[in-house]
């Protein structure tokens, strides 16, 4: 038999390889679980693989910083300077919260010192639009389940603005107490919960507590943006979790080392969880708590039977069982954990350590720190999403 030319042999081999069926277990995943970490003082967002803990990339979310500053009115620029000297601890606050669209391709970022919210293409990092909110400072956000409406807390205006994600246009707003903070949609998208923290730059002396203003939970009809109910807590409401029954809420409160269980129907605290203080935290004065926060970061695991609580001034994560609220473990973290988020697979709690510029990854089922990931300057919010694998390709 005559020998085939080498080039024909190579071509035949290539055809055979292409015709072999792909083994499902070895196929590249169509989606990746990613944690989006906002580096507040850098103005960047790090994308971290939620399973391997490796970094995918970093996105600059203030590519327009010089242009935005140049376009500011005198009062807007003065507000930026005040934010730098108060909440920013001498730095501009350039990324507070992060949300990602249901298709995983668009990222929304609130930029406090610029008083706006901006949209970015996750794959390219291209800025799509920006919109100023009411007042001078933007803060926590929430995205409706259908991805069409973005809620942004406008801190100094005491309102929450609703933004059309397609256009960046503000389509409505609703009033809140003083310094609106976290926002959440109910799972069906029909109800909005907003919590206010009160004026955190007012004096912290108990005798001057009234200067903190109205610290309330506002419950809103998501379709009409009409306020349905206001619950006066009389203390700043920090991160919170509303359970699927839409009745039980777990909430951290200003100056409290731990959290409460709250009955939304009866409007009363049903249980109070006290968590330990580190030796250093025991020496802190009330006015030294960072923006009134003792604990700032609360999240549930995927099955809803474990809570991860960020012990901000004591540098730990507390893992507790639900509904017993018994402590499984106190896990040391990096410096000043200021947020807690659950990975998309529900197995890990990611805590942003704002002082040590890294992320602690804590296992819910085997409560321990399984990874410490360096990130940018002053990580603040961290959120987990499943995104198409192709947006992560360089």
Protein backbone atom coordinates (compact mmCIF):
# COMPACT_ATOMS: atom_id res chain seq x y z
CA UNK A 1 0.00 0.00 0.00
CA UNK A 2 1.31 3.44 -0.94
CA UNK A 3 2.13 5.74 1.91
CA UNK A 4 -0.07 8.82 2.35
CA UNK A 5 1.68 12.19 2.38
CA UNK A 6 2.34 13.52 5.86
CA UNK A 7 0.02 16.51 5.30
CA UNK A 8 -2.89 14.20 4.44
CA UNK A 9 -2.22 12.11 7.54
CA UNK A 10 -2.31 15.23 9.73
CA UNK A 11 -5.56 16.36 8.12
CA UNK A 12 -7.17 12.96 8.68
CA UNK A 13 -6.11 12.97 12.33
CA UNK A 14 -7.60 16.42 12.84
CA UNK A 15 -10.91 15.33 11.30
CA UNK A 16 -11.02 12.28 13.59
CA UNK A 17 -10.39 14.45 16.67
CA UNK A 18 -13.15 16.86 15.71
CA UNK A 19 -15.60 14.00 15.22
CA UNK A 20 -15.09 12.54 18.72
CA UNK A 21 -18.09 13.46 20.92
CA UNK A 22 -17.30 15.82 23.80
CA UNK A 23 -17.45 14.13 27.19
CA UNK A 24 -19.94 16.16 29.28
CA UNK A 25 -17.83 15.88 32.40
CA UNK A 26 -14.88 17.51 30.66
CA UNK A 27 -16.72 20.30 28.85
CA UNK A 28 -15.93 23.88 29.73
CA UNK A 29 -18.75 25.28 31.90
CA UNK A 30 -21.09 27.71 30.21
CA UNK A 31 -21.16 29.82 33.38
CA UNK A 32 -18.72 30.65 36.14
CA UNK A 33 -19.46 31.60 39.74
CA UNK A 34 -17.80 34.95 40.38
CA UNK A 35 -17.50 37.24 43.39
CA UNK A 36 -17.44 40.94 42.50
CA UNK A 37 -15.36 42.91 45.03
CA UNK A 38 -15.61 46.70 45.12
CA UNK A 39 -12.36 48.41 46.13
CA UNK A 40 -13.80 51.65 47.43
CA UNK A 41 -10.71 53.85 47.55
CA UNK A 42 -9.21 52.41 44.34
CA UNK A 43 -12.33 52.80 42.25
CA UNK A 44 -11.92 49.27 40.94
CA UNK A 45 -13.85 45.99 41.01
CA UNK A 46 -12.00 42.66 41.28
CA UNK A 47 -13.62 39.57 39.75
CA UNK A 48 -12.72 36.47 41.77
CA UNK A 49 -13.61 32.88 40.92
CA UNK A 50 -15.96 31.76 43.70
CA UNK A 51 -14.78 28.13 43.48
CA UNK A 52 -11.03 28.32 42.83
CA UNK A 53 -10.53 31.72 44.54
CA UNK A 54 -8.36 32.89 41.63
CA UNK A 55 -8.66 36.38 40.16
CA UNK A 56 -10.15 36.78 36.71
CA UNK A 57 -9.58 40.49 36.20
CA UNK A 58 -9.89 44.00 37.57
CA UNK A 59 -12.27 46.61 36.13
CA UNK A 60 -11.71 50.34 36.50
CA UNK A 61 -15.09 51.82 37.42
CA UNK A 62 -14.02 55.48 37.42
CA UNK A 63 -12.61 55.90 33.90
CA UNK A 64 -14.44 59.22 33.78
CA UNK A 65 -13.22 60.51 37.17
CA UNK A 66 -11.44 63.61 35.89
CA UNK A 67 -14.33 64.54 33.59
CA UNK A 68 -16.90 64.05 36.35
CA UNK A 69 -14.94 66.21 38.79
CA UNK A 70 -14.47 68.93 36.18
CA UNK A 71 -18.22 69.02 35.53
CA UNK A 72 -19.20 69.37 39.21
CA UNK A 73 -20.99 72.45 40.49
CA UNK A 74 -19.42 74.18 43.53
CA UNK A 75 -21.88 72.53 45.95
CA UNK A 76 -21.25 69.09 44.44
CA UNK A 77 -17.49 69.53 44.79
CA UNK A 78 -17.85 70.69 48.41
CA UNK A 79 -19.97 67.58 49.09
CA UNK A 80 -17.22 65.42 47.59
CA UNK A 81 -14.68 66.99 49.93
CA UNK A 82 -16.95 66.44 52.94
CA UNK A 83 -17.41 62.77 52.02
CA UNK A 84 -13.62 62.45 51.76
CA UNK A 85 -13.12 63.86 55.26
CA UNK A 86 -15.95 61.93 56.96
CA UNK A 87 -17.09 58.55 55.61
CA UNK A 88 -14.05 58.31 53.31
CA UNK A 89 -11.50 58.63 56.13
CA UNK A 90 -9.42 60.94 53.95
CA UNK A 91 -10.15 59.12 50.68
CA UNK A 92 -12.71 59.52 47.92
CA UNK A 93 -15.38 56.81 47.99
CA UNK A 94 -15.44 55.56 44.43
CA UNK A 95 -17.37 52.29 44.60
CA UNK A 96 -19.84 51.38 47.32
CA UNK A 97 -22.24 48.76 45.98
CA UNK A 98 -22.28 46.39 43.01
CA UNK A 99 -25.14 44.67 41.20
CA UNK A 100 -25.00 42.43 38.10
CA UNK A 101 -27.78 41.89 35.56
CA UNK A 102 -29.55 38.51 35.42
CA UNK A 103 -27.71 37.62 32.18
CA UNK A 104 -24.36 38.34 33.88
CA UNK A 105 -23.20 40.82 31.25
CA UNK A 106 -23.82 44.24 32.83
CA UNK A 107 -22.50 45.52 36.14
CA UNK A 108 -23.97 48.47 38.04
CA UNK A 109 -21.84 50.41 40.53
CA UNK A 110 -22.80 53.17 42.96
CA UNK A 111 -20.06 55.80 43.28
CA UNK A 112 -20.64 57.78 46.52
CA UNK A 113 -18.20 60.65 46.07
CA UNK A 114 -19.52 61.25 42.55
CA UNK A 115 -23.13 61.05 43.75
CA UNK A 116 -24.07 58.71 40.94
CA UNK A 117 -24.59 55.18 39.66
CA UNK A 118 -22.92 53.82 36.53
CA UNK A 119 -23.27 50.76 34.28
CA UNK A 120 -20.39 48.77 32.77
CA UNK A 121 -20.03 45.91 30.31
CA UNK A 122 -18.59 43.03 32.36
CA UNK A 123 -16.74 41.56 29.38
CA UNK A 124 -15.04 44.71 28.11
CA UNK A 125 -15.14 47.06 31.10
CA UNK A 126 -16.72 49.72 28.88
CA UNK A 127 -18.80 52.33 30.68
CA UNK A 128 -22.36 52.30 29.32
CA UNK A 129 -24.00 55.18 31.22
CA UNK A 130 -24.00 57.11 34.47
CA UNK A 131 -26.77 58.94 36.33
CA UNK A 132 -26.60 61.32 39.30
CA UNK A 133 -28.94 60.43 42.14
CA UNK A 134 -30.88 62.93 44.23
CA UNK A 135 -28.75 64.86 46.68
CA UNK A 136 -24.99 64.36 46.84
CA UNK A 137 -24.18 60.75 47.71
CA UNK A 138 -25.14 57.29 46.41
CA UNK A 139 -24.96 54.18 48.60
CA UNK A 140 -26.47 50.68 48.76
CA UNK A 141 -28.45 49.27 45.84
CA UNK A 142 -30.82 46.44 44.92
CA UNK A 143 -31.78 44.98 41.55
CA UNK A 144 -35.28 43.73 40.77
CA UNK A 145 -35.52 40.00 39.94
CA UNK A 146 -36.29 40.81 36.29
CA UNK A 147 -33.25 43.08 36.10
CA UNK A 148 -35.25 46.09 34.91
CA UNK A 149 -35.15 48.34 37.98
CA UNK A 150 -32.14 49.34 40.04
CA UNK A 151 -32.73 50.89 43.46
CA UNK A 152 -30.09 53.32 44.72
CA UNK A 153 -30.07 54.88 48.19
CA UNK A 154 -29.55 58.64 47.87
CA UNK A 155 -28.06 59.21 51.31
CA UNK A 156 -28.27 62.95 51.75
CA UNK A 157 -31.70 63.31 50.08
CA UNK A 158 -33.38 60.65 52.29
CA UNK A 159 -34.91 58.93 49.28
CA UNK A 160 -34.33 55.81 47.23
CA UNK A 161 -34.20 56.39 43.48
CA UNK A 162 -35.48 53.79 41.01
CA UNK A 163 -33.36 53.63 37.85
CA UNK A 164 -34.24 52.05 34.51
CA UNK A 165 -31.28 49.74 33.86
CA UNK A 166 -31.64 49.96 30.08
CA UNK A 167 -31.34 53.74 29.91
CA UNK A 168 -29.98 54.87 33.27
CA UNK A 169 -32.99 57.17 33.64
CA UNK A 170 -34.50 57.74 37.10
CA UNK A 171 -38.13 56.64 36.84
CA UNK A 172 -39.31 57.32 40.40
CA UNK A 173 -38.37 57.41 44.06
CA UNK A 174 -39.75 56.88 47.54
CA UNK A 175 -39.04 58.63 50.87
CA UNK A 176 -37.09 57.01 53.70
CA UNK A 177 -35.78 57.83 57.12
CA UNK A 178 -32.41 59.53 57.60
CA UNK A 179 -29.46 58.13 55.62
CA UNK A 180 -31.07 55.31 53.59
CA UNK A 181 -28.79 52.31 53.61
CA UNK A 182 -29.52 48.75 52.47
CA UNK A 183 -32.31 47.88 50.00
CA UNK A 184 -33.80 44.47 49.27
CA UNK A 185 -36.49 43.11 46.99
CA UNK A 186 -38.69 40.23 48.10
CA UNK A 187 -38.06 37.04 46.07
CA UNK A 188 -41.17 37.66 43.94
CA UNK A 189 -40.11 41.25 43.29
CA UNK A 190 -43.35 42.67 44.69
CA UNK A 191 -42.02 44.27 47.88
CA UNK A 192 -39.07 46.53 48.68
CA UNK A 193 -37.43 46.81 52.10
CA UNK A 194 -35.26 49.82 52.90
CA UNK A 195 -33.39 50.36 56.15
CA UNK A 196 -31.94 53.64 57.37
CA UNK A 197 -28.94 54.10 59.64
CA UNK A 198 -29.51 57.66 60.84
CA UNK A 199 -26.98 60.45 60.62
CA UNK A 200 -23.74 58.57 61.29
CA UNK A 201 -21.67 61.76 61.33
CA UNK A 202 -23.75 63.22 64.18
CA UNK A 203 -22.33 62.95 67.75
CA UNK A 204 -22.41 59.43 69.21
CA UNK A 205 -23.19 60.45 72.78
CA UNK A 206 -26.38 58.72 74.03
CA UNK A 207 -27.73 62.04 75.33
CA UNK A 208 -27.57 63.43 71.78
CA UNK A 209 -29.12 60.37 70.17
CA UNK A 210 -32.05 62.35 68.76
CA UNK A 211 -29.60 64.10 66.41
CA UNK A 212 -29.22 60.79 64.56
CA UNK A 213 -32.70 61.34 63.12
CA UNK A 214 -35.24 58.78 61.93
CA UNK A 215 -33.95 55.20 61.86
CA UNK A 216 -36.67 53.22 60.17
CA UNK A 217 -37.54 50.20 58.07
CA UNK A 218 -39.64 51.31 55.10
CA UNK A 219 -41.75 48.70 53.29
CA UNK A 220 -42.76 49.68 49.76
CA UNK A 221 -44.93 48.36 46.91
CA UNK A 222 -42.36 47.68 44.20
CA UNK A 223 -44.82 48.27 41.36
CA UNK A 224 -46.08 51.69 42.45
CA UNK A 225 -43.23 52.78 44.79
CA UNK A 226 -45.93 53.66 47.33
CA UNK A 227 -44.88 53.33 50.97
CA UNK A 228 -47.02 50.66 52.64
CA UNK A 229 -45.56 50.70 56.15
CA UNK A 230 -42.87 52.39 58.22
CA UNK A 231 -41.43 50.75 61.34
CA UNK A 232 -39.52 53.02 63.71
CA UNK A 233 -36.54 51.10 65.12
CA UNK A 234 -35.06 54.04 67.03
CA UNK A 235 -31.58 52.73 66.20
CA UNK A 236 -29.63 52.43 62.97
CA UNK A 237 -30.43 49.29 60.98
CA UNK A 238 -27.28 47.84 59.45
CA UNK A 239 -27.23 44.85 57.04
CA UNK A 240 -30.31 42.66 57.34
CA UNK A 241 -31.83 39.48 55.95
CA UNK A 242 -35.55 38.89 55.41
CA UNK A 243 -36.42 35.19 55.44
CA UNK A 244 -38.56 33.61 52.69
CA UNK A 245 -41.65 33.75 54.93
CA UNK A 246 -41.39 37.58 54.64
CA UNK A 247 -42.07 37.76 58.36
CA UNK A 248 -38.79 36.93 60.08
CA UNK A 249 -35.93 39.38 59.73
CA UNK A 250 -32.40 39.15 61.10
CA UNK A 251 -30.77 42.56 61.42
CA UNK A 252 -27.58 44.08 62.75
CA UNK A 253 -27.99 47.35 64.62
CA UNK A 254 -25.68 50.30 65.20
CA UNK A 255 -23.30 49.78 68.14
CA UNK A 256 -24.58 46.23 68.80
CA UNK A 257 -22.13 43.31 68.76
CA UNK A 258 -24.41 40.72 67.22
CA UNK A 259 -27.86 40.93 65.67
CA UNK A 260 -31.56 40.62 66.42
CA UNK A 261 -34.40 38.43 65.22
CA UNK A 262 -37.40 40.59 64.39
CA UNK A 263 -41.05 39.73 63.69
CA UNK A 264 -42.22 42.02 60.88
CA UNK A 265 -45.89 41.18 61.40
CA UNK A 266 -45.89 41.97 65.12
CA UNK A 267 -43.23 44.68 64.79
CA UNK A 268 -41.15 43.47 67.72
CA UNK A 269 -37.77 41.96 68.49
CA UNK A 270 -38.18 38.28 69.34
CA UNK A 271 -34.56 37.39 70.15
CA UNK A 272 -31.27 39.23 70.61
CA UNK A 273 -27.96 37.55 69.79
CA UNK A 274 -24.92 38.83 71.67
CA UNK A 275 -21.57 37.90 70.16
CA UNK A 276 -18.12 38.25 71.76
CA UNK A 277 -15.80 41.22 71.55
CA UNK A 278 -12.07 40.89 70.98
CA UNK A 279 -9.76 42.28 73.63
CA UNK A 280 -9.02 45.24 71.34
CA UNK A 281 -12.74 45.89 70.77
CA UNK A 282 -13.39 45.91 74.51
CA UNK A 283 -11.08 48.92 74.75
CA UNK A 284 -12.85 50.89 72.01
CA UNK A 285 -15.01 53.85 72.82
CA UNK A 286 -18.48 54.09 71.31
CA UNK A 287 -17.43 57.07 69.17
CA UNK A 288 -14.57 55.01 67.70
CA UNK A 289 -16.88 52.46 66.10
CA UNK A 290 -16.54 52.84 62.29
CA UNK A 291 -19.61 54.86 61.23
CA UNK A 292 -21.51 53.46 64.26
CA UNK A 293 -20.88 49.87 63.10
CA UNK A 294 -20.00 47.16 65.58
CA UNK A 295 -21.02 44.33 63.23
CA UNK A 296 -21.57 45.09 59.55
CA UNK A 297 -22.24 42.14 57.25
CA UNK A 298 -24.91 39.45 57.44
CA UNK A 299 -25.74 36.64 55.02
CA UNK A 300 -27.37 33.19 54.85
CA UNK A 301 -25.98 30.05 53.26
CA UNK A 302 -27.70 28.46 50.27
CA UNK A 303 -30.04 26.26 52.32
CA UNK A 304 -30.98 29.03 54.76
CA UNK A 305 -29.90 27.17 57.89
CA UNK A 306 -26.63 29.00 58.63
CA UNK A 307 -25.87 32.68 59.19
CA UNK A 308 -22.52 34.37 58.62
CA UNK A 309 -22.09 37.53 60.72
CA UNK A 310 -19.19 39.94 60.18
CA UNK A 311 -17.74 40.97 63.54
CA UNK A 312 -16.37 44.24 62.20
CA UNK A 313 -14.60 45.69 65.23
CA UNK A 314 -13.43 42.27 66.46
CA UNK A 315 -12.03 40.89 63.17
CA UNK A 316 -14.01 37.66 62.91
CA UNK A 317 -16.84 35.85 61.21
CA UNK A 318 -19.46 34.19 63.40
CA UNK A 319 -21.22 31.15 61.91
CA UNK A 320 -24.55 30.37 63.58
CA UNK A 321 -27.24 27.74 63.04
CA UNK A 322 -30.78 28.80 62.11
CA UNK A 323 -33.35 28.81 63.63
CA UNK A 324 -31.64 27.90 66.92
CA UNK A 325 -29.22 30.86 66.61
CA UNK A 326 -26.53 28.88 68.35
CA UNK A 327 -22.91 29.71 67.54
CA UNK A 328 -21.10 27.04 65.51
CA UNK A 329 -17.77 28.87 65.45
CA UNK A 330 -16.01 32.21 65.73
CA UNK A 331 -13.56 32.35 62.82
CA UNK A 332 -10.73 34.94 62.75
CA UNK A 333 -10.55 37.04 59.56
CA UNK A 334 -8.51 39.90 58.19
CA UNK A 335 -8.76 43.46 59.49
CA UNK A 336 -12.19 45.09 59.86
CA UNK A 337 -14.52 42.79 57.89
CA UNK A 338 -17.18 45.17 56.60
CA UNK A 339 -19.44 43.00 54.47
CA UNK A 340 -20.46 39.35 54.12
CA UNK A 341 -21.78 37.68 50.96
CA UNK A 342 -22.65 34.11 50.06
CA UNK A 343 -21.07 32.40 47.07
CA UNK A 344 -23.51 31.44 44.27
CA UNK A 345 -23.27 27.76 45.27
CA UNK A 346 -24.25 28.70 48.84
CA UNK A 347 -21.24 27.01 50.46
CA UNK A 348 -18.94 29.87 51.42
CA UNK A 349 -19.14 33.25 53.11
CA UNK A 350 -16.91 35.91 51.55
CA UNK A 351 -15.99 38.77 53.91
CA UNK A 352 -14.37 42.00 52.72
CA UNK A 353 -11.58 43.00 55.12
CA UNK A 354 -11.44 46.74 54.56
CA UNK A 355 -8.34 47.41 56.68
CA UNK A 356 -6.13 44.53 55.48
CA UNK A 357 -7.24 44.83 51.83
CA UNK A 358 -8.19 41.21 51.37
CA UNK A 359 -11.10 38.78 51.35
CA UNK A 360 -11.65 36.01 53.90
CA UNK A 361 -13.42 32.92 52.56
CA UNK A 362 -15.17 31.00 55.34
CA UNK A 363 -16.87 27.62 54.95
CA UNK A 364 -20.41 27.38 56.28
CA UNK A 365 -20.39 23.60 56.81
CA UNK A 366 -16.86 23.35 58.23
CA UNK A 367 -16.52 26.76 59.87
CA UNK A 368 -12.97 27.87 59.15
CA UNK A 369 -11.16 30.26 56.86
CA UNK A 370 -10.32 28.30 53.72
CA UNK A 371 -8.70 31.16 51.78
CA UNK A 372 -7.43 34.74 52.13
CA UNK A 373 -7.40 36.65 48.83
CA UNK A 374 -5.58 39.98 48.36
CA UNK A 375 -7.65 42.63 46.57
CA UNK A 376 -7.51 46.42 46.05
CA UNK A 377 -7.55 49.36 48.42
CA UNK A 378 -10.34 49.25 51.01
CA UNK A 379 -12.66 46.48 49.77
CA UNK A 380 -16.19 47.29 50.82
CA UNK A 381 -19.04 45.48 49.11
CA UNK A 382 -18.73 41.95 47.72
CA UNK A 383 -21.50 40.21 45.74
CA UNK A 384 -21.70 36.78 44.12
CA UNK A 385 -23.15 35.97 40.69
CA UNK A 386 -23.08 33.32 37.99
CA UNK A 387 -21.88 34.89 34.74
CA UNK A 388 -21.32 33.55 31.20
CA UNK A 389 -17.81 32.11 30.87
CA UNK A 390 -17.19 34.13 27.71
CA UNK A 391 -17.33 37.49 29.55
CA UNK A 392 -14.27 36.36 31.54
CA UNK A 393 -12.18 35.64 28.44
CA UNK A 394 -9.47 38.28 28.01
